[in-house]
N, C-alpha and C. Protein backbone atom coordinates (compact mmCIF):
# COMPACT_ATOMS: atom_id res chain seq x y z
N UNK A 1 0.84 -1.18 0.00
CA UNK A 1 0.00 0.00 0.00
C UNK A 1 0.88 1.24 0.00
N UNK A 2 0.57 2.17 -0.84
CA UNK A 2 1.37 3.37 -1.00
C UNK A 2 0.89 4.45 -0.02
N UNK A 3 1.82 5.10 0.68
CA UNK A 3 1.47 6.14 1.62
C UNK A 3 1.82 7.49 1.04
N UNK A 4 0.94 8.46 1.27
CA UNK A 4 1.16 9.81 0.79
C UNK A 4 1.30 10.75 1.97
N UNK A 5 2.17 11.69 1.85
CA UNK A 5 2.33 12.70 2.88
C UNK A 5 1.43 13.87 2.50
N UNK A 6 0.29 13.99 3.23
CA UNK A 6 -0.71 15.00 2.89
C UNK A 6 -0.31 16.40 3.31
N UNK A 7 0.59 16.51 4.25
CA UNK A 7 1.01 17.83 4.73
C UNK A 7 2.53 17.82 4.91
N UNK A 8 3.29 17.82 3.81
CA UNK A 8 4.74 17.67 3.92
C UNK A 8 5.41 18.82 4.65
N UNK A 9 4.77 19.98 4.72
CA UNK A 9 5.37 21.13 5.36
C UNK A 9 5.25 21.09 6.89
N UNK A 10 4.55 20.09 7.44
CA UNK A 10 4.33 20.02 8.88
C UNK A 10 5.15 18.91 9.51
N UNK A 11 5.45 19.07 10.76
CA UNK A 11 6.13 18.02 11.52
C UNK A 11 5.18 16.83 11.67
N UNK A 12 5.70 15.60 11.79
CA UNK A 12 4.83 14.42 11.89
C UNK A 12 3.81 14.51 13.03
N UNK A 13 4.23 14.98 14.21
CA UNK A 13 3.28 15.04 15.31
C UNK A 13 2.18 16.07 15.06
N UNK A 14 2.44 17.11 14.30
CA UNK A 14 1.42 18.11 13.95
C UNK A 14 0.46 17.55 12.90
N UNK A 15 0.97 16.72 11.96
CA UNK A 15 0.10 16.11 10.96
C UNK A 15 -0.94 15.23 11.62
N UNK A 16 -0.57 14.54 12.70
CA UNK A 16 -1.49 13.64 13.38
C UNK A 16 -2.63 14.40 14.04
N UNK A 17 -2.48 15.68 14.29
CA UNK A 17 -3.53 16.47 14.93
C UNK A 17 -4.59 16.91 13.93
N UNK A 18 -4.30 16.80 12.65
CA UNK A 18 -5.25 17.21 11.62
C UNK A 18 -6.18 16.03 11.36
N UNK A 19 -7.34 16.08 11.98
CA UNK A 19 -8.31 15.00 11.83
C UNK A 19 -9.70 15.59 11.74
N UNK A 20 -10.56 14.92 11.00
CA UNK A 20 -11.96 15.35 11.02
C UNK A 20 -12.68 14.55 12.09
N UNK A 21 -13.99 14.67 12.20
CA UNK A 21 -14.74 14.03 13.28
C UNK A 21 -14.66 12.52 13.26
N UNK A 22 -14.37 11.89 12.13
CA UNK A 22 -14.29 10.44 12.08
C UNK A 22 -12.88 9.94 12.35
N UNK A 23 -11.93 10.83 12.59
CA UNK A 23 -10.58 10.43 12.91
C UNK A 23 -9.70 10.20 11.69
N UNK A 24 -10.16 10.51 10.51
CA UNK A 24 -9.37 10.31 9.30
C UNK A 24 -8.56 11.56 9.03
N UNK A 25 -7.30 11.37 8.68
CA UNK A 25 -6.44 12.52 8.39
C UNK A 25 -6.97 13.28 7.18
N UNK A 26 -6.78 14.57 7.23
CA UNK A 26 -7.15 15.39 6.08
C UNK A 26 -6.05 16.41 5.84
N UNK A 27 -5.88 16.87 4.62
CA UNK A 27 -4.85 17.87 4.36
C UNK A 27 -5.16 19.16 5.10
N UNK A 28 -4.11 19.88 5.47
CA UNK A 28 -4.29 21.09 6.26
C UNK A 28 -5.03 22.18 5.49
N UNK A 29 -5.03 22.14 4.18
CA UNK A 29 -5.69 23.18 3.41
C UNK A 29 -7.08 22.77 2.92
N UNK A 30 -7.57 21.62 3.39
CA UNK A 30 -8.89 21.16 2.98
C UNK A 30 -9.95 22.14 3.49
N UNK A 31 -10.91 22.53 2.64
CA UNK A 31 -11.94 23.45 3.11
C UNK A 31 -12.80 22.82 4.18
N UNK A 32 -13.21 23.60 5.16
CA UNK A 32 -14.06 23.14 6.25
C UNK A 32 -15.45 23.73 6.02
N UNK A 33 -16.52 22.93 6.17
CA UNK A 33 -17.85 23.47 5.92
C UNK A 33 -18.16 24.62 6.87
N UNK A 34 -18.96 25.57 6.36
CA UNK A 34 -19.31 26.74 7.15
C UNK A 34 -20.11 26.34 8.39
N UNK A 35 -21.03 25.40 8.24
CA UNK A 35 -21.84 24.92 9.35
C UNK A 35 -21.87 23.41 9.35
N UNK A 36 -21.87 22.82 10.54
CA UNK A 36 -22.05 21.38 10.69
C UNK A 36 -23.45 21.19 11.25
N UNK A 37 -24.27 20.44 10.52
CA UNK A 37 -25.67 20.31 10.89
C UNK A 37 -26.00 18.85 11.08
N UNK A 38 -26.60 18.51 12.24
CA UNK A 38 -27.04 17.17 12.55
C UNK A 38 -28.50 17.24 12.94
N UNK A 39 -29.27 16.16 12.66
CA UNK A 39 -30.62 16.15 13.20
C UNK A 39 -30.55 15.61 14.61
N UNK A 40 -31.64 15.70 15.37
CA UNK A 40 -31.55 15.30 16.75
C UNK A 40 -31.45 13.80 16.93
N UNK A 41 -31.63 12.99 15.87
CA UNK A 41 -31.35 11.57 15.96
C UNK A 41 -29.86 11.35 16.18
N UNK A 42 -29.06 12.31 15.75
CA UNK A 42 -27.62 12.23 15.93
C UNK A 42 -27.18 12.73 17.30
N UNK A 43 -28.12 13.09 18.17
CA UNK A 43 -27.77 13.67 19.46
C UNK A 43 -26.94 12.70 20.30
N UNK A 44 -27.26 11.41 20.27
CA UNK A 44 -26.48 10.45 21.04
C UNK A 44 -25.05 10.42 20.53
N UNK A 45 -24.89 10.42 19.21
CA UNK A 45 -23.56 10.43 18.62
C UNK A 45 -22.82 11.69 19.02
N UNK A 46 -23.51 12.83 18.99
CA UNK A 46 -22.89 14.09 19.37
C UNK A 46 -22.44 14.06 20.82
N UNK A 47 -23.23 13.43 21.69
CA UNK A 47 -22.86 13.35 23.10
C UNK A 47 -21.57 12.56 23.27
N UNK A 48 -21.47 11.44 22.56
CA UNK A 48 -20.26 10.63 22.64
C UNK A 48 -19.07 11.43 22.11
N UNK A 49 -19.25 12.11 20.97
CA UNK A 49 -18.17 12.92 20.42
C UNK A 49 -17.77 14.02 21.40
N UNK A 50 -18.74 14.62 22.08
CA UNK A 50 -18.45 15.67 23.04
C UNK A 50 -17.59 15.11 24.17
N UNK A 51 -17.95 13.92 24.66
CA UNK A 51 -17.16 13.30 25.73
C UNK A 51 -15.73 13.02 25.25
N UNK A 52 -15.61 12.48 24.04
CA UNK A 52 -14.30 12.12 23.52
C UNK A 52 -13.45 13.35 23.21
N UNK A 53 -14.11 14.44 22.85
CA UNK A 53 -13.39 15.64 22.45
C UNK A 53 -13.44 16.72 23.53
N UNK A 54 -13.64 16.31 24.80
CA UNK A 54 -13.82 17.30 25.86
C UNK A 54 -12.61 18.21 26.02
N UNK A 55 -11.44 17.75 25.61
CA UNK A 55 -10.26 18.60 25.71
C UNK A 55 -10.19 19.61 24.56
N UNK A 56 -11.01 19.39 23.53
CA UNK A 56 -11.05 20.30 22.38
C UNK A 56 -12.43 20.93 22.34
N UNK A 57 -12.53 22.25 22.37
CA UNK A 57 -13.86 22.87 22.34
C UNK A 57 -14.57 22.57 21.02
N UNK A 58 -15.89 22.37 21.12
CA UNK A 58 -16.68 22.15 19.92
C UNK A 58 -16.84 23.46 19.16
N UNK A 59 -16.92 23.39 17.86
CA UNK A 59 -17.07 24.62 17.08
C UNK A 59 -18.42 25.26 17.35
N UNK A 60 -18.46 26.57 17.25
CA UNK A 60 -19.70 27.30 17.47
C UNK A 60 -20.69 27.09 16.32
N UNK A 61 -20.22 26.55 15.21
CA UNK A 61 -21.09 26.36 14.06
C UNK A 61 -21.69 24.94 14.02
N UNK A 62 -21.80 24.29 15.17
CA UNK A 62 -22.43 22.98 15.27
C UNK A 62 -23.89 23.18 15.64
N UNK A 63 -24.81 22.69 14.80
CA UNK A 63 -26.24 22.90 15.00
C UNK A 63 -26.96 21.56 15.07
N UNK A 64 -27.88 21.44 16.02
CA UNK A 64 -28.75 20.27 16.13
C UNK A 64 -30.13 20.71 15.68
N UNK A 65 -30.63 20.10 14.61
CA UNK A 65 -31.92 20.48 14.03
C UNK A 65 -32.96 19.40 14.31
N UNK A 66 -34.23 19.78 14.26
CA UNK A 66 -35.29 18.77 14.44
C UNK A 66 -35.22 17.71 13.35
N UNK A 67 -35.65 16.51 13.70
CA UNK A 67 -35.69 15.41 12.74
C UNK A 67 -36.78 15.68 11.70
N UNK A 68 -36.45 15.49 10.43
CA UNK A 68 -37.45 15.61 9.36
C UNK A 68 -38.32 14.37 9.37
N UNK A 69 -39.63 14.56 9.27
CA UNK A 69 -40.57 13.45 9.36
C UNK A 69 -41.58 13.48 8.22
N UNK A 70 -42.09 12.31 7.90
CA UNK A 70 -43.21 12.20 6.95
C UNK A 70 -44.43 12.83 7.63
N UNK A 71 -45.08 13.80 6.98
CA UNK A 71 -46.21 14.47 7.65
C UNK A 71 -47.40 13.55 7.94
N UNK A 72 -47.60 12.51 7.15
CA UNK A 72 -48.74 11.61 7.36
C UNK A 72 -48.50 10.60 8.47
N UNK A 73 -47.28 10.06 8.58
CA UNK A 73 -47.03 8.95 9.50
C UNK A 73 -46.12 9.30 10.67
N UNK A 74 -45.36 10.38 10.56
CA UNK A 74 -44.40 10.72 11.60
C UNK A 74 -43.08 9.97 11.48
N UNK A 75 -42.98 9.07 10.50
CA UNK A 75 -41.75 8.30 10.31
C UNK A 75 -40.60 9.24 10.00
N UNK A 76 -39.48 9.06 10.72
CA UNK A 76 -38.30 9.87 10.46
C UNK A 76 -37.82 9.61 9.03
N UNK A 77 -37.54 10.68 8.31
CA UNK A 77 -37.04 10.55 6.94
C UNK A 77 -35.57 10.19 7.00
N UNK A 78 -35.24 9.00 6.52
CA UNK A 78 -33.89 8.46 6.64
C UNK A 78 -33.55 7.66 5.40
N UNK A 79 -32.28 7.59 5.11
CA UNK A 79 -31.84 6.77 3.98
C UNK A 79 -32.14 5.29 4.23
N UNK A 80 -32.28 4.89 5.50
CA UNK A 80 -32.60 3.50 5.82
C UNK A 80 -33.97 3.10 5.29
N UNK A 81 -34.87 4.06 5.13
CA UNK A 81 -36.22 3.75 4.65
C UNK A 81 -36.20 3.13 3.26
N UNK A 82 -35.15 3.38 2.50
CA UNK A 82 -35.04 2.81 1.15
C UNK A 82 -34.94 1.29 1.18
N UNK A 83 -34.53 0.74 2.31
CA UNK A 83 -34.40 -0.72 2.44
C UNK A 83 -35.72 -1.39 2.80
N UNK A 84 -36.75 -0.61 3.09
CA UNK A 84 -38.04 -1.17 3.49
C UNK A 84 -38.88 -1.54 2.28
N UNK A 85 -39.50 -2.71 2.34
CA UNK A 85 -40.45 -3.09 1.29
C UNK A 85 -41.73 -2.27 1.51
N UNK A 86 -42.67 -2.38 0.59
CA UNK A 86 -43.92 -1.62 0.72
C UNK A 86 -44.67 -2.03 1.99
N UNK A 87 -44.74 -3.33 2.26
CA UNK A 87 -45.45 -3.78 3.47
C UNK A 87 -44.69 -3.38 4.73
N UNK A 88 -43.36 -3.37 4.70
CA UNK A 88 -42.57 -2.94 5.86
C UNK A 88 -42.72 -1.44 6.09
N UNK A 89 -42.85 -0.69 5.02
CA UNK A 89 -43.01 0.77 5.14
C UNK A 89 -44.31 1.12 5.85
N UNK A 90 -45.32 0.27 5.70
CA UNK A 90 -46.59 0.50 6.39
C UNK A 90 -46.47 0.24 7.90
N UNK A 91 -45.56 -0.65 8.29
CA UNK A 91 -45.36 -1.00 9.70
C UNK A 91 -44.37 -0.05 10.37
N UNK A 92 -43.43 0.49 9.64
CA UNK A 92 -42.33 1.29 10.20
C UNK A 92 -42.77 2.46 11.10
N UNK A 93 -43.89 3.13 10.85
CA UNK A 93 -44.28 4.23 11.73
C UNK A 93 -44.59 3.82 13.17
N UNK A 94 -44.61 2.51 13.45
CA UNK A 94 -44.84 2.06 14.82
C UNK A 94 -43.79 2.64 15.77
N UNK A 95 -42.58 2.86 15.29
CA UNK A 95 -41.54 3.42 16.16
C UNK A 95 -41.92 4.82 16.62
N UNK A 96 -42.38 5.65 15.70
CA UNK A 96 -42.79 7.00 16.09
C UNK A 96 -44.01 6.96 17.00
N UNK A 97 -44.98 6.08 16.70
CA UNK A 97 -46.16 5.96 17.57
C UNK A 97 -45.76 5.54 18.98
N UNK A 98 -44.77 4.66 19.09
CA UNK A 98 -44.30 4.22 20.41
C UNK A 98 -43.65 5.37 21.17
N UNK A 99 -42.86 6.17 20.47
CA UNK A 99 -42.22 7.32 21.13
C UNK A 99 -43.27 8.35 21.55
N UNK A 100 -44.30 8.53 20.74
CA UNK A 100 -45.39 9.45 21.09
C UNK A 100 -46.12 8.93 22.33
N UNK A 101 -46.30 7.61 22.44
CA UNK A 101 -46.94 7.03 23.62
C UNK A 101 -46.09 7.31 24.87
N UNK A 102 -44.78 7.22 24.74
CA UNK A 102 -43.89 7.55 25.86
C UNK A 102 -44.02 9.03 26.22
N UNK A 103 -44.14 9.88 25.22
CA UNK A 103 -44.30 11.32 25.46
C UNK A 103 -45.61 11.60 26.20
N UNK A 104 -46.68 10.93 25.80
CA UNK A 104 -47.97 11.11 26.47
C UNK A 104 -47.88 10.64 27.92
N UNK A 105 -47.18 9.54 28.16
CA UNK A 105 -46.98 9.07 29.53
C UNK A 105 -46.21 10.10 30.35
N UNK A 106 -45.20 10.71 29.74
CA UNK A 106 -44.41 11.76 30.40
C UNK A 106 -45.30 12.95 30.77
N UNK A 107 -46.18 13.33 29.85
CA UNK A 107 -47.09 14.46 30.11
C UNK A 107 -48.01 14.18 31.29
N UNK A 108 -48.32 12.90 31.52
CA UNK A 108 -49.19 12.56 32.64
C UNK A 108 -48.40 12.31 33.93
N UNK A 109 -47.08 12.58 33.89
CA UNK A 109 -46.25 12.46 35.10
C UNK A 109 -45.67 11.09 35.34
N UNK A 110 -45.62 10.24 34.32
CA UNK A 110 -45.10 8.88 34.47
C UNK A 110 -43.60 8.87 34.73
N UNK A 111 -43.13 7.80 35.33
CA UNK A 111 -41.70 7.60 35.56
C UNK A 111 -41.03 7.19 34.25
N UNK A 112 -39.70 7.20 34.24
CA UNK A 112 -38.96 6.75 33.06
C UNK A 112 -39.29 5.32 32.70
N UNK A 113 -39.40 4.46 33.72
CA UNK A 113 -39.73 3.05 33.47
C UNK A 113 -41.12 2.92 32.85
N UNK A 114 -42.06 3.74 33.31
CA UNK A 114 -43.42 3.69 32.75
C UNK A 114 -43.46 4.21 31.32
N UNK A 115 -42.62 5.20 31.02
CA UNK A 115 -42.55 5.70 29.63
C UNK A 115 -42.02 4.61 28.70
N UNK A 116 -41.01 3.90 29.15
CA UNK A 116 -40.45 2.80 28.36
C UNK A 116 -41.50 1.71 28.15
N UNK A 117 -42.23 1.38 29.21
CA UNK A 117 -43.28 0.37 29.13
C UNK A 117 -44.36 0.78 28.13
N UNK A 118 -44.75 2.06 28.16
CA UNK A 118 -45.77 2.55 27.22
C UNK A 118 -45.30 2.38 25.78
N UNK A 119 -44.04 2.70 25.52
CA UNK A 119 -43.50 2.56 24.16
C UNK A 119 -43.44 1.09 23.75
N UNK A 120 -42.97 0.24 24.65
CA UNK A 120 -42.87 -1.19 24.35
C UNK A 120 -44.24 -1.80 24.08
N UNK A 121 -45.26 -1.34 24.80
CA UNK A 121 -46.62 -1.86 24.59
C UNK A 121 -47.14 -1.56 23.20
N UNK A 122 -46.79 -0.40 22.65
CA UNK A 122 -47.22 -0.05 21.29
C UNK A 122 -46.59 -1.01 20.28
N UNK A 123 -45.30 -1.30 20.44
CA UNK A 123 -44.62 -2.22 19.51
C UNK A 123 -45.19 -3.63 19.67
N UNK A 124 -45.42 -4.03 20.91
CA UNK A 124 -45.99 -5.36 21.16
C UNK A 124 -47.38 -5.48 20.51
N UNK A 125 -48.22 -4.47 20.66
CA UNK A 125 -49.55 -4.50 20.07
C UNK A 125 -49.48 -4.57 18.54
N UNK A 126 -48.54 -3.84 17.95
CA UNK A 126 -48.37 -3.88 16.49
C UNK A 126 -47.91 -5.26 16.04
N UNK A 127 -47.01 -5.88 16.81
CA UNK A 127 -46.56 -7.24 16.50
C UNK A 127 -47.71 -8.23 16.54
N UNK A 128 -48.59 -8.07 17.53
CA UNK A 128 -49.77 -8.95 17.63
C UNK A 128 -50.72 -8.70 16.46
N UNK A 129 -50.89 -7.46 16.06
CA UNK A 129 -51.74 -7.13 14.93
C UNK A 129 -51.21 -7.76 13.65
N UNK A 130 -49.89 -7.67 13.45
CA UNK A 130 -49.25 -8.26 12.26
C UNK A 130 -49.48 -9.76 12.23
N UNK A 131 -49.29 -10.42 13.38
CA UNK A 131 -49.47 -11.88 13.45
C UNK A 131 -50.91 -12.27 13.19
N UNK A 132 -51.86 -11.53 13.78
CA UNK A 132 -53.29 -11.85 13.60
C UNK A 132 -53.72 -11.65 12.15
N UNK A 133 -53.15 -10.65 11.48
CA UNK A 133 -53.51 -10.38 10.09
C UNK A 133 -52.77 -11.30 9.11
N UNK A 134 -51.80 -12.05 9.62
CA UNK A 134 -51.03 -12.95 8.76
C UNK A 134 -50.14 -12.23 7.78
N UNK A 135 -49.74 -11.00 8.13
CA UNK A 135 -48.86 -10.22 7.25
C UNK A 135 -47.45 -10.80 7.27
N UNK A 136 -46.77 -10.70 6.16
CA UNK A 136 -45.42 -11.23 6.03
C UNK A 136 -44.40 -10.12 6.32
N UNK A 137 -44.46 -9.59 7.55
CA UNK A 137 -43.53 -8.54 7.98
C UNK A 137 -43.03 -8.92 9.36
N UNK A 138 -41.73 -8.86 9.56
CA UNK A 138 -41.21 -9.11 10.90
C UNK A 138 -40.94 -7.78 11.60
N UNK A 139 -41.31 -7.74 12.88
CA UNK A 139 -41.11 -6.55 13.71
C UNK A 139 -40.49 -7.03 15.01
N UNK A 140 -39.34 -6.45 15.33
CA UNK A 140 -38.64 -6.85 16.55
C UNK A 140 -38.18 -5.60 17.30
N UNK A 141 -38.54 -5.54 18.57
CA UNK A 141 -38.11 -4.44 19.42
C UNK A 141 -36.62 -4.57 19.70
N UNK A 142 -35.87 -3.49 19.52
CA UNK A 142 -34.46 -3.47 19.89
C UNK A 142 -34.34 -2.85 21.29
N UNK A 143 -34.73 -1.58 21.44
CA UNK A 143 -34.69 -0.96 22.77
C UNK A 143 -35.53 0.32 22.79
N UNK A 144 -35.88 0.75 23.98
CA UNK A 144 -36.36 2.10 24.27
C UNK A 144 -35.61 2.55 25.51
N UNK A 145 -35.28 3.83 25.55
CA UNK A 145 -34.54 4.37 26.70
C UNK A 145 -34.97 5.81 26.92
N UNK A 146 -34.98 6.22 28.17
CA UNK A 146 -35.25 7.60 28.55
C UNK A 146 -33.96 8.13 29.15
N UNK A 147 -33.48 9.26 28.61
CA UNK A 147 -32.20 9.85 29.02
C UNK A 147 -32.38 11.27 29.50
N UNK A 148 -31.51 11.69 30.40
CA UNK A 148 -31.39 13.10 30.74
C UNK A 148 -30.78 13.80 29.52
N UNK A 149 -31.28 14.98 29.20
CA UNK A 149 -30.84 15.71 28.00
C UNK A 149 -29.34 15.98 27.98
N UNK A 150 -28.78 16.37 29.10
CA UNK A 150 -27.38 16.80 29.10
C UNK A 150 -26.40 15.68 29.43
N UNK A 151 -26.72 14.86 30.42
CA UNK A 151 -25.76 13.83 30.84
C UNK A 151 -25.98 12.50 30.14
N UNK A 152 -27.16 12.30 29.56
CA UNK A 152 -27.57 11.04 28.96
C UNK A 152 -27.59 9.90 29.97
N UNK A 153 -27.71 10.26 31.25
CA UNK A 153 -27.90 9.24 32.28
C UNK A 153 -29.31 8.67 32.12
N UNK A 154 -29.47 7.34 32.17
CA UNK A 154 -30.80 6.76 32.05
C UNK A 154 -31.70 7.23 33.19
N UNK A 155 -32.97 7.43 32.87
CA UNK A 155 -33.97 7.85 33.86
C UNK A 155 -34.98 6.73 34.00
N UNK A 156 -35.09 6.15 35.21
CA UNK A 156 -36.06 5.09 35.47
C UNK A 156 -37.17 5.59 36.38
N UNK A 157 -36.82 6.38 37.38
CA UNK A 157 -37.82 6.91 38.30
C UNK A 157 -38.39 8.21 37.77
N UNK A 158 -38.93 9.00 38.70
CA UNK A 158 -39.45 10.31 38.33
C UNK A 158 -38.28 11.17 37.86
N UNK A 159 -38.49 11.90 36.80
CA UNK A 159 -37.43 12.74 36.23
C UNK A 159 -37.24 13.97 37.10
N UNK A 160 -36.01 14.15 37.62
CA UNK A 160 -35.70 15.35 38.39
C UNK A 160 -35.63 16.56 37.46
N UNK A 161 -35.23 16.31 36.23
CA UNK A 161 -35.11 17.36 35.22
C UNK A 161 -36.23 17.16 34.20
N UNK A 162 -36.83 18.22 33.76
CA UNK A 162 -37.93 18.12 32.80
C UNK A 162 -37.46 18.06 31.36
N UNK A 163 -36.17 18.02 31.13
CA UNK A 163 -35.64 18.01 29.77
C UNK A 163 -35.01 16.64 29.51
N UNK A 164 -35.74 15.84 28.74
CA UNK A 164 -35.35 14.45 28.52
C UNK A 164 -35.33 14.13 27.03
N UNK A 165 -34.77 12.96 26.72
CA UNK A 165 -34.80 12.39 25.38
C UNK A 165 -35.32 10.96 25.52
N UNK A 166 -36.31 10.60 24.72
CA UNK A 166 -36.77 9.22 24.64
C UNK A 166 -36.28 8.70 23.30
N UNK A 167 -35.46 7.66 23.35
CA UNK A 167 -34.88 7.09 22.13
C UNK A 167 -35.31 5.64 22.00
N UNK A 168 -35.36 5.18 20.77
CA UNK A 168 -35.74 3.79 20.55
C UNK A 168 -35.27 3.28 19.21
N UNK A 169 -35.29 1.95 19.10
CA UNK A 169 -34.93 1.30 17.85
C UNK A 169 -35.77 0.04 17.70
N UNK A 170 -36.19 -0.23 16.49
CA UNK A 170 -36.91 -1.46 16.16
C UNK A 170 -36.33 -2.00 14.85
N UNK A 171 -36.47 -3.29 14.70
CA UNK A 171 -36.12 -3.95 13.43
C UNK A 171 -37.42 -4.20 12.68
N UNK A 172 -37.52 -3.67 11.49
CA UNK A 172 -38.63 -3.95 10.59
C UNK A 172 -38.01 -4.70 9.42
N UNK A 173 -38.29 -5.99 9.37
CA UNK A 173 -37.59 -6.83 8.41
C UNK A 173 -36.11 -6.86 8.78
N UNK A 174 -35.27 -6.57 7.81
CA UNK A 174 -33.82 -6.55 8.06
C UNK A 174 -33.28 -5.14 8.29
N UNK A 175 -34.18 -4.17 8.44
CA UNK A 175 -33.79 -2.78 8.58
C UNK A 175 -33.96 -2.33 10.02
N UNK A 176 -32.90 -1.80 10.60
CA UNK A 176 -32.97 -1.25 11.97
C UNK A 176 -33.29 0.23 11.87
N UNK A 177 -34.43 0.60 12.43
CA UNK A 177 -34.86 1.99 12.44
C UNK A 177 -34.60 2.58 13.82
N UNK A 178 -34.07 3.79 13.86
CA UNK A 178 -33.82 4.48 15.13
C UNK A 178 -34.52 5.83 15.09
N UNK A 179 -34.90 6.31 16.27
CA UNK A 179 -35.56 7.60 16.34
C UNK A 179 -35.53 8.06 17.79
N UNK A 180 -35.86 9.33 18.01
CA UNK A 180 -36.02 9.85 19.36
C UNK A 180 -36.96 11.03 19.35
N UNK A 181 -37.46 11.34 20.52
CA UNK A 181 -38.33 12.49 20.72
C UNK A 181 -37.78 13.27 21.90
N UNK A 182 -37.79 14.58 21.78
CA UNK A 182 -37.32 15.46 22.84
C UNK A 182 -38.49 15.80 23.74
N UNK A 183 -38.28 15.72 25.04
CA UNK A 183 -39.34 16.01 26.01
C UNK A 183 -38.95 17.23 26.83
N UNK A 184 -39.78 18.27 26.76
CA UNK A 184 -39.56 19.46 27.57
C UNK A 184 -38.60 20.45 26.96
N UNK A 185 -38.17 20.24 25.74
CA UNK A 185 -37.26 21.15 25.06
C UNK A 185 -37.33 20.87 23.56
N UNK A 186 -36.82 21.78 22.78
CA UNK A 186 -36.78 21.61 21.33
C UNK A 186 -35.39 21.88 20.83
N UNK A 187 -35.06 21.29 19.68
CA UNK A 187 -33.78 21.56 19.04
C UNK A 187 -33.75 23.04 18.66
N UNK A 188 -32.57 23.62 18.75
CA UNK A 188 -32.43 25.05 18.43
C UNK A 188 -32.43 25.24 16.93
N UNK A 189 -33.19 26.23 16.45
CA UNK A 189 -33.13 26.53 15.01
C UNK A 189 -31.82 27.22 14.67
N UNK A 190 -31.43 27.13 13.42
CA UNK A 190 -30.22 27.81 12.96
C UNK A 190 -30.52 29.29 12.81
N UNK A 191 -29.73 30.13 13.46
CA UNK A 191 -29.89 31.58 13.29
C UNK A 191 -29.17 32.00 12.03
N UNK A 192 -29.87 32.71 11.17
CA UNK A 192 -29.23 33.17 9.94
C UNK A 192 -29.33 34.65 9.82
């Protein structure tokens, strides 16, 4: 394998500091995007990156935007949806319905464990409906979790903080769908 020196004018230890968010080296003169934009489904990833990069301040041009959704079903618009068959696409909105059920439980003062149970019950009911109808779609619960917005510590009891994230994942066929809903706060819009 042939190696290229992307920044010959720099000392080797300085070249190693030139990395993008995925840890891949980049040339020192590579243009950097004006804004870095993530939807709130990426919030967990951002939290991990924040922890890993705590010695390096995050750029001020990092924006977390609301998740884009199908207006009819609430399904998060994702490239993963392309892997869904027509019958699987009809089942996929169960993830959003489950998260909405957790949100409704939160509004009624439920604990974190009760919010998770409410979400799981929606997926379980959809699985029973699929089986009773004899549909050829597999639905498997991966997880639901309630997190504190800032620390991402799991919340099982009553939430001391009113700003939470409910996240979940389900398998519809061979496609793993992930989503989350923000409770008590909203993603910040980009100021222009």
